[in-house]
């Protein structure tokens, strides 16, 4: 998060010197560790989104650094361990609430401070080794908790990276809706190795029948290229196609043993080159129903397309690229609940 952490090294026993620890009153799974200095604002403009950072360093030494009496310029609400780097280190996924209550505003993201909460994650943007499943699970619980507490959507417009300025669609959304200068931060964490798709699926767990583009129940012609660079994808890759006046949809297939009502969710990695009018054609007992989706926003999560009566037997969701040219549509995953 802060440049000084980039030079930190793991400190054996650092947590033992970081103040008296006890259970957090804000979030049960967290350990409350007080700060020496009152490095926070007591008023702000409402908690409207949550920021994910990486420490560019280690959990124990970062907690000690924030808690020291010499620290007068930074704070954060939560910190999450990634790996047990030594025998005396905390367990992977341990959470510290770093002396700032959720009612207050930590000093973690410059001009976003009085609008947001934040979590620091052990690790380095250049190396995914510390971004462990235990850390993802623990952090997802925090993000879900604060979103529910403050009443904002659990989506990628409201759960963001410290580096979210790179996302032009989010910058536009945030400037218009969050009351901030979305580009006031210069940081690049948590970086490309942070798996946003997986993280958002942990924040928004759903149970149902999922067909990913890698499944045998998915089909698309060779004209649909394969991509994997988007960090908010579902699974290992996705298919994409340039928009054009032509019919060659990607198709997700499912078979139901009996007729019933099912809710359809779609997952796609968002981006500035995506179509704002991607048409998903959903088979229903009343015929084909079309939902038009803006794939430039709300990606990296399950996006609800509505509930429909469906027949027993074969059912499909199709994604068409027949829409305004100059963009791409992305076929990733579909879920029926």
C-alpha atoms as a PDB file:
ATOM      1  CA  UNK A   1       0.000   0.000   0.000  1.00  0.00           C
ATOM      2  CA  UNK A   2       2.562   2.577   1.165  1.00  0.00           C
ATOM      3  CA  UNK A   3       6.045   2.752  -0.390  1.00  0.00           C
ATOM      4  CA  UNK A   4       7.768   2.289   2.976  1.00  0.00           C
ATOM      5  CA  UNK A   5       6.262  -1.219   3.222  1.00  0.00           C
ATOM      6  CA  UNK A   6       8.137  -2.212   0.097  1.00  0.00           C
ATOM      7  CA  UNK A   7      11.337  -2.254   2.156  1.00  0.00           C
ATOM      8  CA  UNK A   8       9.882  -4.194   5.086  1.00  0.00           C
ATOM      9  CA  UNK A   9      11.041  -7.687   6.027  1.00  0.00           C
ATOM     10  CA  UNK A  10       9.317 -10.347   8.066  1.00  0.00           C
ATOM     11  CA  UNK A  11       9.678  -9.583  11.754  1.00  0.00           C
ATOM     12  CA  UNK A  12       9.541 -12.558  14.069  1.00  0.00           C
ATOM     13  CA  UNK A  13       7.289 -11.767  16.975  1.00  0.00           C
ATOM     14  CA  UNK A  14       6.117  -8.474  15.480  1.00  0.00           C
ATOM     15  CA  UNK A  15       2.521  -9.206  16.336  1.00  0.00           C
ATOM     16  CA  UNK A  16       3.429  -9.657  19.964  1.00  0.00           C
ATOM     17  CA  UNK A  17       4.575  -6.038  20.100  1.00  0.00           C
ATOM     18  CA  UNK A  18       1.678  -4.493  18.172  1.00  0.00           C
ATOM     19  CA  UNK A  19      -0.594  -3.774  21.121  1.00  0.00           C
ATOM     20  CA  UNK A  20      -3.094  -5.796  23.080  1.00  0.00           C
ATOM     21  CA  UNK A  21      -5.165  -8.002  20.801  1.00  0.00           C
ATOM     22  CA  UNK A  22      -8.758  -9.065  21.368  1.00  0.00           C
ATOM     23  CA  UNK A  23     -11.826  -9.885  19.316  1.00  0.00           C
ATOM     24  CA  UNK A  24     -13.154  -7.213  16.969  1.00  0.00           C
ATOM     25  CA  UNK A  25     -16.523  -5.710  17.878  1.00  0.00           C
ATOM     26  CA  UNK A  26     -17.149  -4.858  14.194  1.00  0.00           C
ATOM     27  CA  UNK A  27     -16.381  -8.174  12.545  1.00  0.00           C
ATOM     28  CA  UNK A  28     -16.264 -11.374  14.567  1.00  0.00           C
ATOM     29  CA  UNK A  29     -13.553 -13.271  12.633  1.00  0.00           C
ATOM     30  CA  UNK A  30     -11.073 -10.399  13.059  1.00  0.00           C
ATOM     31  CA  UNK A  31      -8.600  -9.715  15.845  1.00  0.00           C
ATOM     32  CA  UNK A  32      -8.687  -6.130  17.084  1.00  0.00           C
ATOM     33  CA  UNK A  33      -5.219  -4.602  17.425  1.00  0.00           C
ATOM     34  CA  UNK A  34      -5.201  -0.934  18.487  1.00  0.00           C
ATOM     35  CA  UNK A  35      -3.120   1.840  16.967  1.00  0.00           C
ATOM     36  CA  UNK A  36      -0.800   4.092  18.915  1.00  0.00           C
ATOM     37  CA  UNK A  37      -1.876   7.148  16.920  1.00  0.00           C
ATOM     38  CA  UNK A  38      -5.407   8.224  15.971  1.00  0.00           C
ATOM     39  CA  UNK A  39      -4.732   7.960  12.240  1.00  0.00           C
ATOM     40  CA  UNK A  40      -8.294   8.218  10.958  1.00  0.00           C
ATOM     41  CA  UNK A  41     -11.153  10.582  10.200  1.00  0.00           C
ATOM     42  CA  UNK A  42     -14.225  10.459  12.418  1.00  0.00           C
ATOM     43  CA  UNK A  43     -16.443  11.891   9.680  1.00  0.00           C
ATOM     44  CA  UNK A  44     -16.752  11.475   5.951  1.00  0.00           C
ATOM     45  CA  UNK A  45     -19.179  11.192   3.069  1.00  0.00           C
ATOM     46  CA  UNK A  46     -20.481   7.709   3.780  1.00  0.00           C
ATOM     47  CA  UNK A  47     -18.833   4.345   3.179  1.00  0.00           C
ATOM     48  CA  UNK A  48     -19.714   3.724  -0.472  1.00  0.00           C
ATOM     49  CA  UNK A  49     -17.116   1.203  -1.636  1.00  0.00           C
ATOM     50  CA  UNK A  50     -14.304  -1.061  -0.444  1.00  0.00           C
ATOM     51  CA  UNK A  51     -10.670  -0.976  -1.582  1.00  0.00           C
ATOM     52  CA  UNK A  52      -8.389  -4.032  -1.832  1.00  0.00           C
ATOM     53  CA  UNK A  53      -4.664  -3.379  -1.371  1.00  0.00           C
ATOM     54  CA  UNK A  54      -1.580  -5.539  -1.168  1.00  0.00           C
ATOM     55  CA  UNK A  55       1.070  -4.824   1.429  1.00  0.00           C
ATOM     56  CA  UNK A  56       4.129  -5.174  -0.788  1.00  0.00           C
ATOM     57  CA  UNK A  57       5.398  -6.913   2.315  1.00  0.00           C
ATOM     58  CA  UNK A  58       4.516  -9.311   5.092  1.00  0.00           C
ATOM     59  CA  UNK A  59       1.579  -9.511   7.463  1.00  0.00           C
ATOM     60  CA  UNK A  60       3.389  -9.417  10.813  1.00  0.00           C
ATOM     61  CA  UNK A  61       5.719  -6.567   9.967  1.00  0.00           C
ATOM     62  CA  UNK A  62       2.909  -4.590   8.306  1.00  0.00           C
ATOM     63  CA  UNK A  63       0.673  -4.878  11.381  1.00  0.00           C
ATOM     64  CA  UNK A  64       3.615  -3.787  13.532  1.00  0.00           C
ATOM     65  CA  UNK A  65       4.380  -0.883  11.173  1.00  0.00           C
ATOM     66  CA  UNK A  66       0.822   0.457  11.207  1.00  0.00           C
ATOM     67  CA  UNK A  67       0.624   0.093  14.998  1.00  0.00           C
ATOM     68  CA  UNK A  68       3.883   1.849  15.836  1.00  0.00           C
ATOM     69  CA  UNK A  69       3.833   5.212  17.564  1.00  0.00           C
ATOM     70  CA  UNK A  70       5.992   6.614  14.793  1.00  0.00           C
ATOM     71  CA  UNK A  71       3.302   5.986  12.192  1.00  0.00           C
ATOM     72  CA  UNK A  72       1.320   9.198  11.759  1.00  0.00           C
ATOM     73  CA  UNK A  73       0.378   9.161   8.070  1.00  0.00           C
ATOM     74  CA  UNK A  74      -1.475   5.935   7.233  1.00  0.00           C
ATOM     75  CA  UNK A  75      -4.000   3.378   8.451  1.00  0.00           C
ATOM     76  CA  UNK A  76      -6.373   0.753   7.112  1.00  0.00           C
ATOM     77  CA  UNK A  77      -9.386  -1.061   8.486  1.00  0.00           C
ATOM     78  CA  UNK A  78      -8.294  -4.673   7.951  1.00  0.00           C
ATOM     79  CA  UNK A  79      -5.196  -6.750   7.149  1.00  0.00           C
ATOM     80  CA  UNK A  80      -5.200 -10.404   6.029  1.00  0.00           C
ATOM     81  CA  UNK A  81      -2.350 -12.911   6.192  1.00  0.00           C
ATOM     82  CA  UNK A  82      -1.493 -14.979   3.120  1.00  0.00           C
ATOM     83  CA  UNK A  83       1.189 -17.517   4.027  1.00  0.00           C
ATOM     84  CA  UNK A  84       2.725 -18.759   7.240  1.00  0.00           C
ATOM     85  CA  UNK A  85       6.198 -17.488   6.414  1.00  0.00           C
ATOM     86  CA  UNK A  86       7.808 -18.834   9.588  1.00  0.00           C
ATOM     87  CA  UNK A  87       6.857 -21.045  12.515  1.00  0.00           C
ATOM     88  CA  UNK A  88       5.953 -18.034  14.635  1.00  0.00           C
ATOM     89  CA  UNK A  89       3.876 -16.379  11.923  1.00  0.00           C
ATOM     90  CA  UNK A  90       0.094 -16.218  12.046  1.00  0.00           C
ATOM     91  CA  UNK A  91      -2.021 -18.768  10.219  1.00  0.00           C
ATOM     92  CA  UNK A  92      -2.963 -18.099   6.590  1.00  0.00           C
ATOM     93  CA  UNK A  93      -6.200 -16.138   6.496  1.00  0.00           C
ATOM     94  CA  UNK A  94      -5.802 -14.514   9.896  1.00  0.00           C
ATOM     95  CA  UNK A  95      -7.530 -11.123   9.956  1.00  0.00           C
ATOM     96  CA  UNK A  96      -6.474  -8.077  11.965  1.00  0.00           C
ATOM     97  CA  UNK A  97      -8.693  -5.038  12.379  1.00  0.00           C
ATOM     98  CA  UNK A  98      -5.997  -2.405  12.599  1.00  0.00           C
ATOM     99  CA  UNK A  99      -7.333  -0.015  15.198  1.00  0.00           C
ATOM    100  CA  UNK A 100      -9.837   1.773  12.938  1.00  0.00           C
ATOM    101  CA  UNK A 101     -13.511   1.047  13.548  1.00  0.00           C
ATOM    102  CA  UNK A 102     -15.785   0.681  10.559  1.00  0.00           C
ATOM    103  CA  UNK A 103     -17.646   3.807  11.639  1.00  0.00           C
ATOM    104  CA  UNK A 104     -14.462   5.820  11.021  1.00  0.00           C
ATOM    105  CA  UNK A 105     -12.449   6.470   7.862  1.00  0.00           C
ATOM    106  CA  UNK A 106      -8.926   5.086   7.534  1.00  0.00           C
ATOM    107  CA  UNK A 107      -6.083   6.856   5.733  1.00  0.00           C
ATOM    108  CA  UNK A 108      -5.460   4.252   3.044  1.00  0.00           C
ATOM    109  CA  UNK A 109      -6.316   5.652  -0.391  1.00  0.00           C
ATOM    110  CA  UNK A 110      -5.788   9.435  -0.569  1.00  0.00           C
ATOM    111  CA  UNK A 111      -8.920  11.196  -1.822  1.00  0.00           C
ATOM    112  CA  UNK A 112     -10.975   7.995  -1.509  1.00  0.00           C
ATOM    113  CA  UNK A 113     -10.428   7.859   2.263  1.00  0.00           C
ATOM    114  CA  UNK A 114     -13.629   9.561   3.385  1.00  0.00           C
ATOM    115  CA  UNK A 115     -15.751   7.456   1.040  1.00  0.00           C
ATOM    116  CA  UNK A 116     -14.451   3.923   1.617  1.00  0.00           C
ATOM    117  CA  UNK A 117     -13.162   1.097   3.783  1.00  0.00           C
ATOM    118  CA  UNK A 118     -10.061  -0.922   2.966  1.00  0.00           C
ATOM    119  CA  UNK A 119      -8.240  -4.232   3.392  1.00  0.00           C
ATOM    120  CA  UNK A 120      -4.502  -4.841   3.112  1.00  0.00           C
ATOM    121  CA  UNK A 121      -3.397  -8.285   1.881  1.00  0.00           C
ATOM    122  CA  UNK A 122      -0.037  -9.857   2.603  1.00  0.00           C
ATOM    123  CA  UNK A 123       1.924 -10.216  -0.591  1.00  0.00           C
ATOM    124  CA  UNK A 124       3.358  -8.567  -3.637  1.00  0.00           C
ATOM    125  CA  UNK A 125       1.715  -7.468  -6.882  1.00  0.00           C
ATOM    126  CA  UNK A 126       4.495  -9.157  -8.868  1.00  0.00           C
ATOM    127  CA  UNK A 127       4.163 -12.562  -7.170  1.00  0.00           C
ATOM    128  CA  UNK A 128       0.890 -14.447  -6.587  1.00  0.00           C
ATOM    129  CA  UNK A 129       2.384 -16.848  -4.016  1.00  0.00           C
ATOM    130  CA  UNK A 130       0.879 -14.986  -1.048  1.00  0.00           C
ATOM    131  CA  UNK A 131      -2.583 -14.711  -2.647  1.00  0.00           C
ATOM    132  CA  UNK A 132      -3.684 -17.994  -1.098  1.00  0.00           C
ATOM    133  CA  UNK A 133      -7.156 -19.521  -0.954  1.00  0.00           C
ATOM    134  CA  UNK A 134      -7.218 -18.892   2.804  1.00  0.00           C
ATOM    135  CA  UNK A 135      -6.531 -15.214   2.163  1.00  0.00           C
ATOM    136  CA  UNK A 136      -9.171 -14.963  -0.586  1.00  0.00           C
ATOM    137  CA  UNK A 137     -11.788 -16.597   1.655  1.00  0.00           C
ATOM    138  CA  UNK A 138     -10.991 -14.399   4.650  1.00  0.00           C
ATOM    139  CA  UNK A 139     -10.912 -11.214   2.591  1.00  0.00           C
ATOM    140  CA  UNK A 140     -14.125 -12.091   0.735  1.00  0.00           C
ATOM    141  CA  UNK A 141     -15.855 -12.347   4.098  1.00  0.00           C
ATOM    142  CA  UNK A 142     -14.723  -8.825   4.986  1.00  0.00           C
ATOM    143  CA  UNK A 143     -15.838  -7.352   1.658  1.00  0.00           C
ATOM    144  CA  UNK A 144     -19.222  -9.077   1.886  1.00  0.00           C
ATOM    145  CA  UNK A 145     -19.650  -7.875   5.469  1.00  0.00           C
ATOM    146  CA  UNK A 146     -18.902  -4.196   4.844  1.00  0.00           C
ATOM    147  CA  UNK A 147     -21.023  -4.102   1.670  1.00  0.00           C
ATOM    148  CA  UNK A 148     -23.975  -5.563   3.551  1.00  0.00           C
ATOM    149  CA  UNK A 149     -23.401  -3.263   6.511  1.00  0.00           C
ATOM    150  CA  UNK A 150     -23.256  -0.061   4.468  1.00  0.00           C
ATOM    151  CA  UNK A 151     -25.832  -1.141   1.907  1.00  0.00           C
ATOM    152  CA  UNK A 152     -23.991  -0.961  -1.411  1.00  0.00           C
ATOM    153  CA  UNK A 153     -23.918  -3.634  -4.159  1.00  0.00           C
ATOM    154  CA  UNK A 154     -21.371  -6.428  -3.948  1.00  0.00           C
ATOM    155  CA  UNK A 155     -20.032  -5.792  -7.442  1.00  0.00           C
ATOM    156  CA  UNK A 156     -16.884  -4.554  -9.160  1.00  0.00           C
ATOM    157  CA  UNK A 157     -18.047  -0.954  -9.095  1.00  0.00           C
ATOM    158  CA  UNK A 158     -18.039  -1.056  -5.302  1.00  0.00           C
ATOM    159  CA  UNK A 159     -15.331  -3.631  -4.483  1.00  0.00           C
ATOM    160  CA  UNK A 160     -12.223  -2.366  -6.231  1.00  0.00           C
ATOM    161  CA  UNK A 161      -8.454  -2.477  -6.311  1.00  0.00           C
ATOM    162  CA  UNK A 162      -6.176   0.335  -5.247  1.00  0.00           C
ATOM    163  CA  UNK A 163      -5.177   0.232  -8.925  1.00  0.00           C
ATOM    164  CA  UNK A 164      -8.745   0.554 -10.248  1.00  0.00           C
ATOM    165  CA  UNK A 165      -7.829   3.761 -12.080  1.00  0.00           C
ATOM    166  CA  UNK A 166      -6.634   1.480 -14.903  1.00  0.00           C
ATOM    167  CA  UNK A 167     -10.260   0.473 -15.477  1.00  0.00           C
ATOM    168  CA  UNK A 168     -11.735   3.211 -17.659  1.00  0.00           C
ATOM    169  CA  UNK A 169     -15.291   1.974 -17.202  1.00  0.00           C
ATOM    170  CA  UNK A 170     -14.937   2.139 -13.419  1.00  0.00           C
ATOM    171  CA  UNK A 171     -13.337   5.589 -13.542  1.00  0.00           C
ATOM    172  CA  UNK A 172     -16.352   6.852 -15.453  1.00  0.00           C
ATOM    173  CA  UNK A 173     -18.759   5.159 -13.033  1.00  0.00           C
ATOM    174  CA  UNK A 174     -16.931   6.336  -9.901  1.00  0.00           C
ATOM    175  CA  UNK A 175     -16.600   9.945 -11.021  1.00  0.00           C
ATOM    176  CA  UNK A 176     -20.327  10.049 -11.731  1.00  0.00           C
ATOM    177  CA  UNK A 177     -21.657   7.997  -8.806  1.00  0.00           C
ATOM    178  CA  UNK A 178     -19.199   7.790  -5.900  1.00  0.00           C
ATOM    179  CA  UNK A 179     -18.358  11.472  -5.442  1.00  0.00           C
ATOM    180  CA  UNK A 180     -14.601  10.950  -5.852  1.00  0.00           C
ATOM    181  CA  UNK A 181     -11.734  11.742  -8.178  1.00  0.00           C
ATOM    182  CA  UNK A 182     -11.271   8.171  -9.376  1.00  0.00           C
ATOM    183  CA  UNK A 183      -7.710   8.769 -10.615  1.00  0.00           C
ATOM    184  CA  UNK A 184      -6.201  10.446  -7.549  1.00  0.00           C
ATOM    185  CA  UNK A 185      -4.311   7.245  -6.608  1.00  0.00           C
ATOM    186  CA  UNK A 186      -1.077   6.226  -8.310  1.00  0.00           C
ATOM    187  CA  UNK A 187      -0.740   2.721  -6.833  1.00  0.00           C
ATOM    188  CA  UNK A 188      -0.706  -0.519  -8.823  1.00  0.00           C
ATOM    189  CA  UNK A 189      -1.817  -3.027  -6.181  1.00  0.00           C
ATOM    190  CA  UNK A 190      -3.113  -5.680  -5.879  1.00  0.00           C
ATOM    191  CA  UNK A 191      -2.069  -6.060  -9.521  1.00  0.00           C
ATOM    192  CA  UNK A 192      -2.738  -8.486 -12.350  1.00  0.00           C
ATOM    193  CA  UNK A 193      -2.082 -11.577 -10.206  1.00  0.00           C
ATOM    194  CA  UNK A 194      -5.106 -10.891  -7.998  1.00  0.00           C
ATOM    195  CA  UNK A 195      -7.872 -13.215  -9.232  1.00  0.00           C
ATOM    196  CA  UNK A 196     -10.887 -10.924  -9.300  1.00  0.00           C
ATOM    197  CA  UNK A 197     -13.172 -13.488 -10.866  1.00  0.00           C
ATOM    198  CA  UNK A 198     -12.561 -16.024  -8.127  1.00  0.00           C
ATOM    199  CA  UNK A 199     -12.672 -13.362  -5.436  1.00  0.00           C
ATOM    200  CA  UNK A 200     -16.065 -12.044  -6.519  1.00  0.00           C
ATOM    201  CA  UNK A 201     -17.449 -15.589  -6.705  1.00  0.00           C
ATOM    202  CA  UNK A 202     -16.493 -16.009  -3.039  1.00  0.00           C
ATOM    203  CA  UNK A 203     -18.149 -12.712  -2.119  1.00  0.00           C
ATOM    204  CA  UNK A 204     -21.319 -13.690  -3.994  1.00  0.00           C
ATOM    205  CA  UNK A 205     -21.602 -17.457  -3.538  1.00  0.00           C
ATOM    206  CA  UNK A 206     -24.448 -19.034  -5.437  1.00  0.00           C
ATOM    207  CA  UNK A 207     -25.443 -22.650  -5.914  1.00  0.00           C
ATOM    208  CA  UNK A 208     -26.847 -23.944  -9.146  1.00  0.00           C
ATOM    209  CA  UNK A 209     -25.941 -25.568 -12.441  1.00  0.00           C
ATOM    210  CA  UNK A 210     -22.939 -23.790 -13.960  1.00  0.00           C
ATOM    211  CA  UNK A 211     -21.781 -24.211 -17.543  1.00  0.00           C
ATOM    212  CA  UNK A 212     -18.401 -22.609 -18.219  1.00  0.00           C
ATOM    213  CA  UNK A 213     -17.043 -22.053 -21.711  1.00  0.00           C
ATOM    214  CA  UNK A 214     -14.615 -24.944 -21.087  1.00  0.00           C
ATOM    215  CA  UNK A 215     -17.504 -27.359 -20.473  1.00  0.00           C
ATOM    216  CA  UNK A 216     -18.709 -29.934 -22.964  1.00  0.00           C
ATOM    217  CA  UNK A 217     -22.142 -28.321 -22.590  1.00  0.00           C
ATOM    218  CA  UNK A 218     -20.841 -25.137 -24.235  1.00  0.00           C
ATOM    219  CA  UNK A 219     -20.356 -24.706 -27.968  1.00  0.00           C
ATOM    220  CA  UNK A 220     -19.001 -21.960 -30.200  1.00  0.00           C
ATOM    221  CA  UNK A 221     -17.564 -21.922 -33.691  1.00  0.00           C
ATOM    222  CA  UNK A 222     -13.890 -21.434 -34.479  1.00  0.00           C
ATOM    223  CA  UNK A 223     -14.692 -17.791 -35.145  1.00  0.00           C
ATOM    224  CA  UNK A 224     -14.903 -17.272 -31.396  1.00  0.00           C
ATOM    225  CA  UNK A 225     -11.353 -16.649 -30.173  1.00  0.00           C
ATOM    226  CA  UNK A 226     -10.073 -17.799 -26.776  1.00  0.00           C
ATOM    227  CA  UNK A 227      -8.728 -15.317 -24.226  1.00  0.00           C
ATOM    228  CA  UNK A 228      -7.318 -15.648 -20.714  1.00  0.00           C
ATOM    229  CA  UNK A 229      -5.753 -12.295 -19.812  1.00  0.00           C
ATOM    230  CA  UNK A 230      -8.770 -10.790 -18.018  1.00  0.00           C
ATOM    231  CA  UNK A 231      -8.369 -11.177 -14.264  1.00  0.00           C
ATOM    232  CA  UNK A 232     -12.137 -11.152 -13.605  1.00  0.00           C
ATOM    233  CA  UNK A 233     -12.888 -14.205 -15.762  1.00  0.00           C
ATOM    234  CA  UNK A 234     -14.666 -17.332 -14.549  1.00  0.00           C
ATOM    235  CA  UNK A 235     -12.380 -20.348 -14.735  1.00  0.00           C
ATOM    236  CA  UNK A 236      -9.238 -20.481 -16.832  1.00  0.00           C
ATOM    237  CA  UNK A 237     -10.337 -18.676 -20.002  1.00  0.00           C
ATOM    238  CA  UNK A 238     -13.239 -17.322 -22.065  1.00  0.00           C
ATOM    239  CA  UNK A 239     -14.328 -16.931 -25.687  1.00  0.00           C
ATOM    240  CA  UNK A 240     -14.856 -13.646 -27.509  1.00  0.00           C
ATOM    241  CA  UNK A 241     -15.980 -12.368 -30.900  1.00  0.00           C
ATOM    242  CA  UNK A 242     -15.983  -9.017 -32.660  1.00  0.00           C
ATOM    243  CA  UNK A 243     -19.441  -7.551 -33.147  1.00  0.00           C
ATOM    244  CA  UNK A 244     -20.811  -7.869 -36.681  1.00  0.00           C
ATOM    245  CA  UNK A 245     -24.057  -8.213 -38.620  1.00  0.00           C
ATOM    246  CA  UNK A 246     -23.911 -11.995 -38.630  1.00  0.00           C
ATOM    247  CA  UNK A 247     -25.520 -14.880 -36.733  1.00  0.00           C
ATOM    248  CA  UNK A 248     -23.159 -17.389 -35.073  1.00  0.00           C
ATOM    249  CA  UNK A 249     -23.976 -17.391 -31.351  1.00  0.00           C
ATOM    250  CA  UNK A 250     -22.104 -19.045 -28.520  1.00  0.00           C
ATOM    251  CA  UNK A 251     -24.394 -21.560 -26.779  1.00  0.00           C
ATOM    252  CA  UNK A 252     -24.638 -22.884 -23.224  1.00  0.00           C
ATOM    253  CA  UNK A 253     -26.776 -26.025 -22.914  1.00  0.00           C
ATOM    254  CA  UNK A 254     -28.582 -27.628 -19.976  1.00  0.00           C
ATOM    255  CA  UNK A 255     -31.147 -30.388 -19.482  1.00  0.00           C
ATOM    256  CA  UNK A 256     -33.834 -30.213 -16.789  1.00  0.00           C
ATOM    257  CA  UNK A 257     -35.560 -33.327 -15.524  1.00  0.00           C
ATOM    258  CA  UNK A 258     -38.837 -31.489 -15.062  1.00  0.00           C
ATOM    259  CA  UNK A 259     -40.450 -28.185 -15.936  1.00  0.00           C
ATOM    260  CA  UNK A 260     -39.978 -25.349 -13.472  1.00  0.00           C
ATOM    261  CA  UNK A 261     -38.863 -21.785 -12.864  1.00  0.00           C
ATOM    262  CA  UNK A 262     -35.158 -21.008 -12.986  1.00  0.00           C
ATOM    263  CA  UNK A 263     -33.108 -17.843 -12.492  1.00  0.00           C
ATOM    264  CA  UNK A 264     -30.394 -17.258 -15.081  1.00  0.00           C
ATOM    265  CA  UNK A 265     -27.054 -15.641 -14.231  1.00  0.00           C
ATOM    266  CA  UNK A 266     -24.256 -14.730 -16.641  1.00  0.00           C
ATOM    267  CA  UNK A 267     -20.569 -14.137 -15.927  1.00  0.00           C
ATOM    268  CA  UNK A 268     -18.209 -12.181 -18.186  1.00  0.00           C
ATOM    269  CA  UNK A 269     -14.976 -10.222 -17.720  1.00  0.00           C
ATOM    270  CA  UNK A 270     -15.731  -6.554 -18.258  1.00  0.00           C
ATOM    271  CA  UNK A 271     -13.672  -4.099 -20.307  1.00  0.00           C
ATOM    272  CA  UNK A 272     -13.770  -0.856 -22.221  1.00  0.00           C
ATOM    273  CA  UNK A 273     -13.792  -2.633 -25.593  1.00  0.00           C
ATOM    274  CA  UNK A 274     -16.860  -4.741 -24.711  1.00  0.00           C
ATOM    275  CA  UNK A 275     -20.272  -4.249 -26.260  1.00  0.00           C
ATOM    276  CA  UNK A 276     -22.811  -2.286 -24.272  1.00  0.00           C
ATOM    277  CA  UNK A 277     -25.590  -4.218 -26.043  1.00  0.00           C
ATOM    278  CA  UNK A 278     -24.569  -7.866 -25.750  1.00  0.00           C
ATOM    279  CA  UNK A 279     -27.721  -9.932 -26.361  1.00  0.00           C
ATOM    280  CA  UNK A 280     -28.280 -13.116 -24.332  1.00  0.00           C
ATOM    281  CA  UNK A 281     -31.120 -15.238 -25.764  1.00  0.00           C
ATOM    282  CA  UNK A 282     -32.695 -17.350 -23.009  1.00  0.00           C
ATOM    283  CA  UNK A 283     -34.931 -20.307 -23.848  1.00  0.00           C
ATOM    284  CA  UNK A 284     -38.163 -20.280 -21.821  1.00  0.00           C
ATOM    285  CA  UNK A 285     -41.435 -22.158 -21.964  1.00  0.00           C
ATOM    286  CA  UNK A 286     -42.911 -19.093 -23.712  1.00  0.00           C
ATOM    287  CA  UNK A 287     -40.157 -19.000 -26.341  1.00  0.00           C
ATOM    288  CA  UNK A 288     -36.850 -17.185 -26.636  1.00  0.00           C
ATOM    289  CA  UNK A 289     -36.361 -14.158 -24.367  1.00  0.00           C
ATOM    290  CA  UNK A 290     -33.580 -11.602 -24.938  1.00  0.00           C
ATOM    291  CA  UNK A 291     -31.679  -9.798 -22.186  1.00  0.00           C
ATOM    292  CA  UNK A 292     -29.335  -6.989 -23.308  1.00  0.00           C
ATOM    293  CA  UNK A 293     -26.216  -6.629 -21.141  1.00  0.00           C
ATOM    294  CA  UNK A 294     -23.603  -3.874 -20.940  1.00  0.00           C
ATOM    295  CA  UNK A 295     -20.381  -5.898 -20.747  1.00  0.00           C
ATOM    296  CA  UNK A 296     -18.300  -2.812 -20.005  1.00  0.00           C
ATOM    297  CA  UNK A 297     -19.534  -2.831 -16.384  1.00  0.00           C
ATOM    298  CA  UNK A 298     -20.495  -5.217 -13.525  1.00  0.00           C
ATOM    299  CA  UNK A 299     -18.232  -8.012 -14.809  1.00  0.00           C
ATOM    300  CA  UNK A 300     -16.368 -10.569 -12.734  1.00  0.00           C
ATOM    301  CA  UNK A 301     -19.480 -11.744 -10.900  1.00  0.00           C
ATOM    302  CA  UNK A 302     -22.807 -13.487 -11.427  1.00  0.00           C
ATOM    303  CA  UNK A 303     -25.187 -10.996 -13.054  1.00  0.00           C
ATOM    304  CA  UNK A 304     -28.882 -11.811 -12.616  1.00  0.00           C
ATOM    305  CA  UNK A 305     -30.864 -11.940 -15.879  1.00  0.00           C
ATOM    306  CA  UNK A 306     -34.220 -12.793 -14.323  1.00  0.00           C
ATOM    307  CA  UNK A 307     -36.352 -15.839 -13.490  1.00  0.00           C
ATOM    308  CA  UNK A 308     -38.240 -17.741 -16.210  1.00  0.00           C
ATOM    309  CA  UNK A 309     -40.526 -20.739 -16.595  1.00  0.00           C
ATOM    310  CA  UNK A 310     -38.618 -23.443 -18.490  1.00  0.00           C
ATOM    311  CA  UNK A 311     -39.606 -26.734 -20.046  1.00  0.00           C
ATOM    312  CA  UNK A 312     -38.285 -30.144 -19.097  1.00  0.00           C
ATOM    313  CA  UNK A 313     -35.437 -31.342 -21.305  1.00  0.00           C
ATOM    314  CA  UNK A 314     -33.026 -29.248 -23.352  1.00  0.00           C
ATOM    315  CA  UNK A 315     -32.688 -25.528 -22.611  1.00  0.00           C
ATOM    316  CA  UNK A 316     -30.135 -22.993 -23.782  1.00  0.00           C
ATOM    317  CA  UNK A 317     -28.673 -19.549 -23.323  1.00  0.00           C
ATOM    318  CA  UNK A 318     -27.135 -18.058 -26.452  1.00  0.00           C
ATOM    319  CA  UNK A 319     -24.889 -15.014 -26.799  1.00  0.00           C
ATOM    320  CA  UNK A 320     -25.120 -13.115 -30.078  1.00  0.00           C
ATOM    321  CA  UNK A 321     -22.472 -10.802 -31.501  1.00  0.00           C
ATOM    322  CA  UNK A 322     -24.976  -9.266 -33.956  1.00  0.00           C
ATOM    323  CA  UNK A 323     -25.022  -5.734 -32.584  1.00  0.00           C
ATOM    324  CA  UNK A 324     -23.282  -2.373 -33.025  1.00  0.00           C
ATOM    325  CA  UNK A 325     -19.881  -2.915 -34.625  1.00  0.00           C
ATOM    326  CA  UNK A 326     -16.542  -1.824 -33.188  1.00  0.00           C
ATOM    327  CA  UNK A 327     -16.679  -3.883 -29.971  1.00  0.00           C
ATOM    328  CA  UNK A 328     -16.407  -7.476 -28.779  1.00  0.00           C
ATOM    329  CA  UNK A 329     -18.786  -9.712 -26.840  1.00  0.00           C
ATOM    330  CA  UNK A 330     -17.400 -12.183 -24.292  1.00  0.00           C
ATOM    331  CA  UNK A 331     -18.809 -15.669 -23.660  1.00  0.00           C
ATOM    332  CA  UNK A 332     -17.661 -16.997 -20.286  1.00  0.00           C
ATOM    333  CA  UNK A 333     -20.119 -18.799 -17.964  1.00  0.00           C
ATOM    334  CA  UNK A 334     -23.864 -19.192 -17.382  1.00  0.00           C
ATOM    335  CA  UNK A 335     -25.671 -20.464 -14.307  1.00  0.00           C
ATOM    336  CA  UNK A 336     -29.237 -21.676 -13.853  1.00  0.00           C
ATOM    337  CA  UNK A 337     -30.673 -21.706 -10.312  1.00  0.00           C
END
